[in-house]
Amino acid sequence: MSAFATVGYFAHGYGMKAKGMGGVGIALPQETMSGVANPANLGFVGNRLDVEVEWFRPIRDGEITGNGFGLNGNYSGSGRKNFLIPGLGYNRMRGANLALGVLVYGNGGMNTTFDTNPFGAFGGSNPGGVDYMQLFIAPTIAWKPNANHSIGLSLNLAYHQFGASGLEPFTGFSQTPDRVTNRGRDDSTGIGVRIGWTGKLTDNITVGAMYQPKTNMGKLSQYEGLFRGQGDLDIPATYGIGIAVKATPQLTIAADVQQIDYAKVAAIGTTPDCLFQGVCALGASNGPGFGWKNMTAYKIGASYDVSRSLTLRAGFATGKQPIPNQYTLLNIIFPAVVQDHFTLGATWTMGTIEMTAGYMHAFRKTVNGSGSIPAVPFGGGEANLKMHQDAFGVAVGWKM
């Protein structure tokens, strides 16, 4: 189920209808999975069950140039190219004003598999890379104080799993050198929440807002020598606002703005400068991270009802680059650099059954390093990161 998500390492959207509209969903309750974007949406979707699966194909590559110690070359991190990502949502109305549901989904993740290790000249074994996944099970409640407003709360039961291989060159920089690489898969759990509000201001305008604080996860003890804080890898906070406008009886236009606070998770956002300067160690409480910045994503989408049985969708999403070009060396194993996404989708309705398909293309993005490889101790030069992605998914929804 691991994958390489598209807004940093979060998914670009949740629910196949939203994925066909650029990931828009905060103010657009179209399906139970819209409760992931905003739990308040469940107050408006009625009794239904949605099951989906998405085929995801990220192509990730790295390049090292100008290095004096033999690292130069082009490296494909796509030893594993294809991933399947499932999702499930169920919602039940208890009277007119209370919705109870459960959502099961992959919140995000990342994978690189280098059959030829970029760090091979320093003794890194093949294959090299990482595999990281997040799974959420979210019991959700939404309450409608009146017909036009809904307030929602999800209890996020979070599970994540991580594995790394081929990072032997970094064991000498760790306070726990035997817990850096080749430790198999380690996992831990955590509990968090997501809150939201959806409001119909008029018959044609709906707005929404959501907030999910940082989720504290148990430590990944098998990799306590890699992540700052002895394996402390939390899930960052995210929050956003959205609007949906029914421009005509057939046409709906919607937009979201979402913030993800990667920089506020120490293992992700702390810069690696101290490591390169030799004043801190991997895994230490004051150790380095990967230097990620906070990310703001902008999403816009449209849906058009061609008939009672056919709806077409399209969308676009973009975001700020979370990986600074001076920190591309360590991030060659986490090259989450795509920014621009184009999406298409369609739903066929047959009575109480809906069949939905969605397609996403993330355009090729390159982040060229600038001062990214220190001359001491790594021999200088630059590390450049490249990625593009495609995804296609299908979903079945039952109105009950």
Protein backbone atom coordinates (compact mmCIF):
# COMPACT_ATOMS: atom_id res chain seq x y z
CA MET A 1 0.00 0.00 0.00
CA SER A 2 3.01 2.26 0.23
CA ALA A 3 3.12 5.04 -2.32
CA PHE A 4 4.71 8.34 -3.08
CA ALA A 5 2.07 10.97 -2.56
CA THR A 6 1.79 14.23 -4.42
CA VAL A 7 1.52 17.19 -2.03
CA GLY A 8 4.85 16.65 -0.33
CA TYR A 9 4.11 13.16 0.94
CA PHE A 10 0.36 13.71 1.42
CA ALA A 11 -2.22 12.68 -1.19
CA HIS A 12 -3.44 15.43 -3.54
CA GLY A 13 -7.06 14.57 -2.67
CA TYR A 14 -9.32 12.06 -0.96
CA GLY A 15 -12.19 10.29 -2.70
CA MET A 16 -12.31 9.50 -6.40
CA LYS A 17 -14.70 12.35 -7.21
CA ALA A 18 -12.39 14.85 -5.49
CA LYS A 19 -9.33 13.34 -7.17
CA GLY A 20 -10.91 14.03 -10.55
CA MET A 21 -11.36 17.69 -9.56
CA GLY A 22 -7.78 18.52 -8.59
CA GLY A 23 -8.25 17.15 -5.07
CA VAL A 24 -10.88 19.74 -4.11
CA GLY A 25 -13.06 18.58 -1.22
CA ILE A 26 -13.17 20.86 1.84
CA ALA A 27 -16.49 22.47 0.85
CA LEU A 28 -17.74 19.82 -1.58
CA PRO A 29 -19.52 16.85 0.07
CA GLN A 30 -19.87 14.48 -2.89
CA GLU A 31 -19.08 11.09 -1.28
CA THR A 32 -18.17 9.60 2.08
CA MET A 33 -14.44 10.01 1.37
CA SER A 34 -15.00 13.78 1.32
CA GLY A 35 -15.10 13.35 5.10
CA VAL A 36 -11.33 12.93 4.99
CA ALA A 37 -10.88 16.45 3.62
CA ASN A 38 -13.50 17.77 6.05
CA PRO A 39 -15.36 15.55 8.55
CA ALA A 40 -18.31 17.95 8.55
CA ASN A 41 -19.08 16.89 4.98
CA LEU A 42 -20.61 13.66 6.25
CA GLY A 43 -23.60 15.69 7.41
CA PHE A 44 -24.54 16.24 3.76
CA VAL A 45 -23.76 12.96 1.94
CA GLY A 46 -26.58 10.82 3.34
CA ASN A 47 -26.49 7.06 3.84
CA ARG A 48 -23.84 5.57 1.59
CA LEU A 49 -20.87 3.28 1.19
CA ASP A 50 -17.89 4.05 -1.05
CA VAL A 51 -15.10 1.65 -1.99
CA GLU A 52 -12.18 2.69 -4.18
CA VAL A 53 -8.81 1.58 -5.46
CA GLU A 54 -6.18 3.67 -7.23
CA TRP A 55 -3.25 2.59 -9.39
CA PHE A 56 -0.36 4.97 -8.75
CA ARG A 57 2.84 5.19 -10.83
CA PRO A 58 5.48 7.65 -9.62
CA ILE A 59 8.72 7.92 -11.59
CA ARG A 60 11.49 9.28 -9.37
CA ASP A 61 15.09 9.90 -10.37
CA GLY A 62 18.22 11.46 -8.97
CA GLU A 63 21.36 12.84 -10.55
CA ILE A 64 24.72 13.69 -8.98
CA THR A 65 27.19 15.89 -10.85
CA GLY A 66 30.56 17.46 -10.12
CA ASN A 67 31.38 15.15 -7.24
CA GLY A 68 35.02 14.46 -6.43
CA PHE A 69 34.49 11.15 -4.64
CA GLY A 70 32.84 9.03 -7.35
CA LEU A 71 29.13 9.65 -6.74
CA ASN A 72 28.46 11.12 -10.21
CA GLY A 73 25.71 9.47 -12.23
CA ASN A 74 22.03 9.20 -13.01
CA TYR A 75 20.09 7.08 -10.56
CA SER A 76 16.59 5.68 -10.96
CA GLY A 77 14.65 5.35 -7.73
CA SER A 78 11.82 3.58 -9.55
CA GLY A 79 12.85 -0.02 -8.98
CA ARG A 80 9.25 -0.42 -7.90
CA LYS A 81 6.95 1.59 -10.16
CA ASN A 82 3.38 0.49 -9.49
CA PHE A 83 1.31 0.81 -6.33
CA LEU A 84 -2.32 0.13 -5.42
CA ILE A 85 -3.98 2.43 -2.90
CA PRO A 86 -7.37 1.37 -1.48
CA GLY A 87 -9.93 3.44 0.36
CA LEU A 88 -13.28 2.88 2.06
CA GLY A 89 -15.92 5.13 3.56
CA TYR A 90 -19.25 4.40 5.23
CA ASN A 91 -21.79 6.92 6.51
CA ARG A 92 -25.13 6.53 8.25
CA MET A 93 -27.57 9.27 9.20
CA ARG A 94 -29.11 8.96 12.66
CA GLY A 95 -32.09 11.18 12.16
CA ALA A 96 -31.89 14.38 10.14
CA ASN A 97 -29.07 16.05 12.07
CA LEU A 98 -26.51 13.41 13.08
CA ALA A 99 -24.14 11.43 10.86
CA LEU A 100 -21.92 8.58 12.00
CA GLY A 101 -19.26 7.22 9.70
CA VAL A 102 -15.91 5.53 9.37
CA LEU A 103 -13.16 6.30 6.86
CA VAL A 104 -10.21 4.05 5.99
CA TYR A 105 -7.51 5.53 3.78
CA GLY A 106 -3.83 5.94 3.04
CA ASN A 107 -2.96 9.45 4.19
CA GLY A 108 0.38 9.52 2.42
CA GLY A 109 3.73 7.90 2.05
CA MET A 110 6.89 7.64 0.03
CA ASN A 111 8.98 4.99 -1.68
CA THR A 112 12.31 4.91 -3.48
CA THR A 113 14.01 1.76 -4.72
CA PHE A 114 17.46 2.40 -6.24
CA ASP A 115 18.78 -0.77 -7.87
CA THR A 116 22.02 1.21 -8.22
CA ASN A 117 22.54 3.07 -4.96
CA PRO A 118 23.46 6.79 -5.30
CA PHE A 119 25.68 6.30 -2.24
CA GLY A 120 27.35 3.19 -3.64
CA ALA A 121 30.78 4.82 -3.95
CA PHE A 122 30.70 5.31 -0.16
CA GLY A 123 29.73 1.70 0.52
CA GLY A 124 25.94 1.87 0.24
CA SER A 125 24.49 -1.56 -0.59
CA ASN A 126 22.01 -2.33 -3.35
CA PRO A 127 19.14 -1.83 -3.49
CA GLY A 128 19.03 1.43 -1.61
CA GLY A 129 16.04 3.51 -0.68
CA VAL A 130 13.15 3.89 1.72
CA ASP A 131 9.56 2.74 2.04
CA TYR A 132 7.10 4.71 4.16
CA MET A 133 3.33 4.48 4.46
CA GLN A 134 0.57 5.95 6.61
CA LEU A 135 -2.82 4.32 7.21
CA PHE A 136 -5.69 6.09 8.95
CA ILE A 137 -8.89 4.58 10.36
CA ALA A 138 -11.14 7.49 11.26
CA PRO A 139 -14.45 7.05 13.11
CA THR A 140 -16.29 10.28 12.34
CA ILE A 141 -19.28 12.18 13.68
CA ALA A 142 -21.00 15.16 12.08
CA TRP A 143 -23.76 17.23 13.71
CA LYS A 144 -26.04 19.64 11.90
CA PRO A 145 -27.36 22.43 14.13
CA ASN A 146 -29.64 23.32 11.23
CA ALA A 147 -30.22 22.27 7.63
CA ASN A 148 -27.41 24.44 6.21
CA HIS A 149 -24.47 23.89 8.57
CA SER A 150 -22.52 20.87 9.77
CA ILE A 151 -19.74 20.47 12.35
CA GLY A 152 -17.60 17.34 12.19
CA LEU A 153 -14.97 15.50 14.20
CA SER A 154 -12.80 12.55 13.19
CA LEU A 155 -10.77 10.46 15.60
CA ASN A 156 -7.71 9.49 13.58
CA LEU A 157 -6.33 6.09 14.53
CA ALA A 158 -3.00 6.35 12.74
CA TYR A 159 -0.54 3.62 11.79
CA HIS A 160 2.71 4.12 9.95
CA GLN A 161 5.48 1.84 8.73
CA PHE A 162 9.02 2.63 7.65
CA GLY A 163 11.97 0.75 6.22
CA ALA A 164 15.35 1.85 4.82
CA SER A 165 18.20 0.09 3.07
CA GLY A 166 21.55 1.02 1.58
CA LEU A 167 22.27 3.91 3.96
CA GLU A 168 25.48 2.39 5.37
CA PRO A 169 27.56 5.50 4.56
CA PHE A 170 25.56 7.42 7.16
CA THR A 171 26.07 5.03 10.07
CA GLY A 172 29.27 6.84 11.04
CA PHE A 173 27.28 10.05 11.45
CA SER A 174 24.76 8.52 13.87
CA GLN A 175 24.67 8.30 17.64
CA THR A 176 23.17 4.81 17.19
CA PRO A 177 24.95 3.45 14.09
CA ASP A 178 23.31 0.03 14.20
CA ARG A 179 19.82 1.60 13.90
CA VAL A 180 20.21 3.58 10.67
CA THR A 181 19.64 1.14 7.82
CA ASN A 182 18.72 -2.42 6.84
CA ARG A 183 16.55 -2.99 9.92
CA GLY A 184 13.55 -4.30 8.00
CA ARG A 185 10.20 -2.61 8.50
CA ASP A 186 9.35 -0.87 11.74
CA ASP A 187 5.98 0.54 12.69
CA SER A 188 4.15 2.53 15.34
CA THR A 189 0.75 4.02 16.07
CA GLY A 190 -0.74 7.29 17.19
CA ILE A 191 -4.06 8.99 17.84
CA GLY A 192 -5.08 12.37 16.46
CA VAL A 193 -8.14 14.36 15.48
CA ARG A 194 -9.49 16.37 12.58
CA ILE A 195 -12.26 18.94 12.97
CA GLY A 196 -14.24 20.74 10.33
CA TRP A 197 -17.21 22.91 9.40
CA THR A 198 -19.27 23.00 6.23
CA GLY A 199 -21.81 25.73 5.65
CA LYS A 200 -24.29 26.40 2.84
CA LEU A 201 -24.38 30.19 2.71
CA THR A 202 -26.92 30.17 -0.12
CA ASP A 203 -28.46 27.56 -2.38
CA ASN A 204 -25.46 28.03 -4.69
CA ILE A 205 -22.50 28.78 -2.39
CA THR A 206 -20.95 26.37 0.13
CA VAL A 207 -17.85 27.06 2.22
CA GLY A 208 -15.80 24.89 4.55
CA ALA A 209 -12.80 24.80 6.85
CA MET A 210 -10.82 22.01 8.50
CA TYR A 211 -7.93 21.61 10.94
CA GLN A 212 -5.85 18.60 11.91
CA PRO A 213 -3.17 19.19 14.57
CA LYS A 214 0.12 17.33 14.52
CA THR A 215 -0.33 13.64 15.28
CA ASN A 216 2.21 12.32 17.76
CA MET A 217 3.37 8.87 16.72
CA GLY A 218 5.23 6.23 18.67
CA LYS A 219 8.94 6.11 17.97
CA LEU A 220 10.40 3.96 15.20
CA SER A 221 12.92 2.24 17.45
CA GLN A 222 14.56 0.22 14.68
CA TYR A 223 15.53 3.52 13.04
CA GLU A 224 16.33 5.55 16.13
CA GLY A 225 19.77 6.23 14.66
CA LEU A 226 18.28 7.88 11.56
CA PHE A 227 15.43 10.16 12.63
CA ARG A 228 15.96 13.07 15.00
CA GLY A 229 14.75 12.35 18.52
CA GLN A 230 15.58 8.62 18.54
CA GLY A 231 13.15 7.66 15.78
CA ASP A 232 10.50 10.31 16.44
CA LEU A 233 8.59 10.79 13.17
CA ASP A 234 5.26 12.54 13.73
CA ILE A 235 2.54 13.35 11.17
CA PRO A 236 2.42 17.09 10.44
CA ALA A 237 -0.52 19.38 11.08
CA THR A 238 -2.69 20.38 8.14
CA TYR A 239 -5.48 22.90 7.76
CA GLY A 240 -7.40 24.56 4.97
CA ILE A 241 -10.44 26.37 3.62
CA GLY A 242 -12.64 25.73 0.62
CA ILE A 243 -15.49 27.11 -1.43
CA ALA A 244 -17.89 25.54 -3.92
CA VAL A 245 -20.12 27.56 -6.24
CA LYS A 246 -22.98 26.12 -8.28
CA ALA A 247 -22.55 28.46 -11.24
CA THR A 248 -25.41 26.89 -13.22
CA PRO A 249 -27.75 23.97 -12.51
CA GLN A 250 -25.20 21.72 -14.27
CA LEU A 251 -21.84 23.37 -13.46
CA THR A 252 -20.08 23.44 -10.06
CA ILE A 253 -16.73 25.19 -9.55
CA ALA A 254 -14.77 24.62 -6.34
CA ALA A 255 -11.42 25.59 -4.85
CA ASP A 256 -9.36 24.72 -1.76
CA VAL A 257 -6.28 26.15 -0.10
CA GLN A 258 -4.44 23.68 2.15
CA GLN A 259 -1.43 24.18 4.40
CA ILE A 260 0.81 21.31 5.57
CA ASP A 261 3.28 22.12 8.35
CA TYR A 262 6.15 19.82 7.41
CA ALA A 263 8.71 22.20 8.91
CA LYS A 264 7.14 21.84 12.37
CA VAL A 265 7.93 18.12 12.54
CA ALA A 266 11.53 18.05 13.74
CA ALA A 267 12.56 14.88 11.89
CA ILE A 268 11.34 16.36 8.61
CA GLY A 269 11.85 20.10 8.91
CA THR A 270 15.10 20.52 10.84
CA THR A 271 17.87 21.50 8.44
CA PRO A 272 20.83 19.10 8.02
CA ASP A 273 23.41 21.89 8.29
CA CYS A 274 24.62 20.73 11.70
CA LEU A 275 25.32 17.25 10.28
CA PHE A 276 27.44 18.65 7.48
CA GLN A 277 29.26 20.89 9.97
CA GLY A 278 30.02 17.91 12.22
CA VAL A 279 28.28 19.33 15.30
CA CYS A 280 25.32 16.95 15.58
CA ALA A 281 24.53 13.28 14.99
CA LEU A 282 21.74 11.46 13.21
CA GLY A 283 19.09 10.29 15.68
CA ALA A 284 20.12 12.68 18.43
CA SER A 285 17.62 14.94 20.19
CA ASN A 286 19.37 17.88 18.51
CA GLY A 287 20.02 15.93 15.32
CA PRO A 288 19.37 16.89 11.71
CA GLY A 289 16.24 16.47 9.65
CA PHE A 290 15.69 16.79 5.92
CA GLY A 291 15.16 20.54 5.74
CA TRP A 292 11.60 20.50 4.40
CA LYS A 293 9.61 23.74 4.39
CA ASN A 294 5.91 24.14 5.09
CA MET A 295 3.81 23.63 1.97
CA THR A 296 0.75 25.51 0.72
CA ALA A 297 -1.36 23.72 -1.90
CA TYR A 298 -3.90 25.40 -4.18
CA LYS A 299 -6.61 23.30 -5.83
CA ILE A 300 -9.37 24.18 -8.29
CA GLY A 301 -11.86 21.94 -10.04
CA ALA A 302 -15.11 21.83 -11.93
CA SER A 303 -17.86 19.27 -12.43
CA TYR A 304 -20.51 19.31 -15.13
CA ASP A 305 -23.69 17.22 -15.15
CA VAL A 306 -24.06 16.16 -18.76
CA SER A 307 -27.22 14.26 -17.84
CA ARG A 308 -28.83 12.67 -14.81
CA SER A 309 -26.56 9.67 -15.27
CA LEU A 310 -23.24 11.24 -16.35
CA THR A 311 -21.03 13.83 -14.61
CA LEU A 312 -17.66 14.97 -15.98
CA ARG A 313 -14.86 16.54 -13.93
CA ALA A 314 -11.54 18.30 -14.38
CA GLY A 315 -9.13 20.07 -12.06
CA PHE A 316 -5.69 21.46 -11.36
CA ALA A 317 -3.57 21.57 -8.22
CA THR A 318 -0.27 23.22 -7.48
CA GLY A 319 1.85 23.87 -4.42
CA LYS A 320 4.98 25.48 -3.05
CA GLN A 321 8.14 23.39 -3.28
CA PRO A 322 8.87 21.86 0.16
CA ILE A 323 12.46 20.76 -0.59
CA PRO A 324 15.04 23.59 -0.70
CA ASN A 325 17.69 23.21 -3.39
CA GLN A 326 20.51 23.31 -0.85
CA TYR A 327 19.21 20.11 0.82
CA THR A 328 18.75 17.82 -2.16
CA LEU A 329 21.52 15.35 -1.19
CA LEU A 330 19.69 13.74 1.72
CA ASN A 331 16.37 14.12 -0.09
CA ILE A 332 17.52 12.00 -3.01
CA ILE A 333 15.83 9.19 -1.05
CA PHE A 334 12.69 11.39 -0.53
CA PRO A 335 12.35 13.23 -3.89
CA ALA A 336 8.80 14.55 -3.32
CA VAL A 337 9.27 17.46 -5.71
CA VAL A 338 6.21 17.43 -8.01
CA GLN A 339 4.13 20.60 -7.81
CA ASP A 340 1.62 20.80 -10.68
CA HIS A 341 -1.18 18.26 -11.21
CA PHE A 342 -3.88 17.96 -13.88
CA THR A 343 -6.89 15.73 -13.26
CA LEU A 344 -9.92 14.31 -15.06
CA GLY A 345 -12.87 12.30 -13.80
CA ALA A 346 -16.35 11.00 -14.50
CA THR A 347 -19.25 9.40 -12.66
CA TRP A 348 -21.94 7.13 -14.12
CA THR A 349 -25.08 6.87 -11.99
CA MET A 350 -27.36 3.86 -12.28
CA GLY A 351 -30.16 4.14 -9.77
CA THR A 352 -28.59 3.89 -6.32
CA ILE A 353 -25.17 2.85 -7.64
CA GLU A 354 -22.42 5.23 -8.78
CA MET A 355 -19.34 4.24 -10.76
CA THR A 356 -16.55 6.83 -10.66
CA ALA A 357 -13.19 7.01 -12.40
CA GLY A 358 -10.42 9.54 -11.87
CA TYR A 359 -7.07 10.26 -13.53
CA MET A 360 -4.17 12.42 -12.31
CA HIS A 361 -0.97 13.47 -14.04
CA ALA A 362 1.72 15.26 -12.03
CA PHE A 363 4.00 17.08 -14.44
CA ARG A 364 7.72 16.37 -14.42
CA LYS A 365 9.54 18.59 -11.95
CA THR A 366 13.28 18.97 -11.42
CA VAL A 367 14.87 20.57 -8.37
CA ASN A 368 18.52 21.27 -9.08
CA GLY A 369 20.83 21.37 -6.12
CA SER A 370 22.69 24.54 -5.20
CA GLY A 371 25.56 23.98 -2.80
CA SER A 372 23.84 20.71 -1.97
CA ILE A 373 26.87 18.43 -1.48
CA PRO A 374 29.49 19.70 0.97
CA ALA A 375 33.09 19.32 -0.19
CA VAL A 376 33.90 17.94 3.25
CA PRO A 377 33.09 15.15 3.87
CA PHE A 378 31.15 14.28 0.68
CA GLY A 379 33.31 15.63 -2.15
CA GLY A 380 31.18 18.53 -3.38
CA GLY A 381 29.01 18.81 -6.48
CA GLU A 382 25.25 18.88 -6.80
CA ALA A 383 22.36 16.46 -6.29
CA ASN A 384 19.37 17.00 -8.58
CA LEU A 385 15.91 15.50 -7.97
CA LYS A 386 13.34 14.63 -10.64
CA MET A 387 9.83 13.22 -10.54
CA HIS A 388 6.58 12.84 -12.46
CA GLN A 389 3.50 10.77 -11.66
CA ASP A 390 0.37 9.21 -13.08
CA ALA A 391 -2.60 7.72 -11.26
CA PHE A 392 -5.89 6.15 -12.27
CA GLY A 393 -8.58 5.00 -9.90
CA VAL A 394 -12.09 3.62 -9.80
CA ALA A 395 -14.73 3.74 -7.09
CA VAL A 396 -18.16 2.27 -6.49
CA GLY A 397 -20.66 4.14 -4.35
CA TRP A 398 -23.93 2.78 -2.98
CA LYS A 399 -26.66 5.14 -1.81
CA MET A 400 -28.56 3.36 0.93
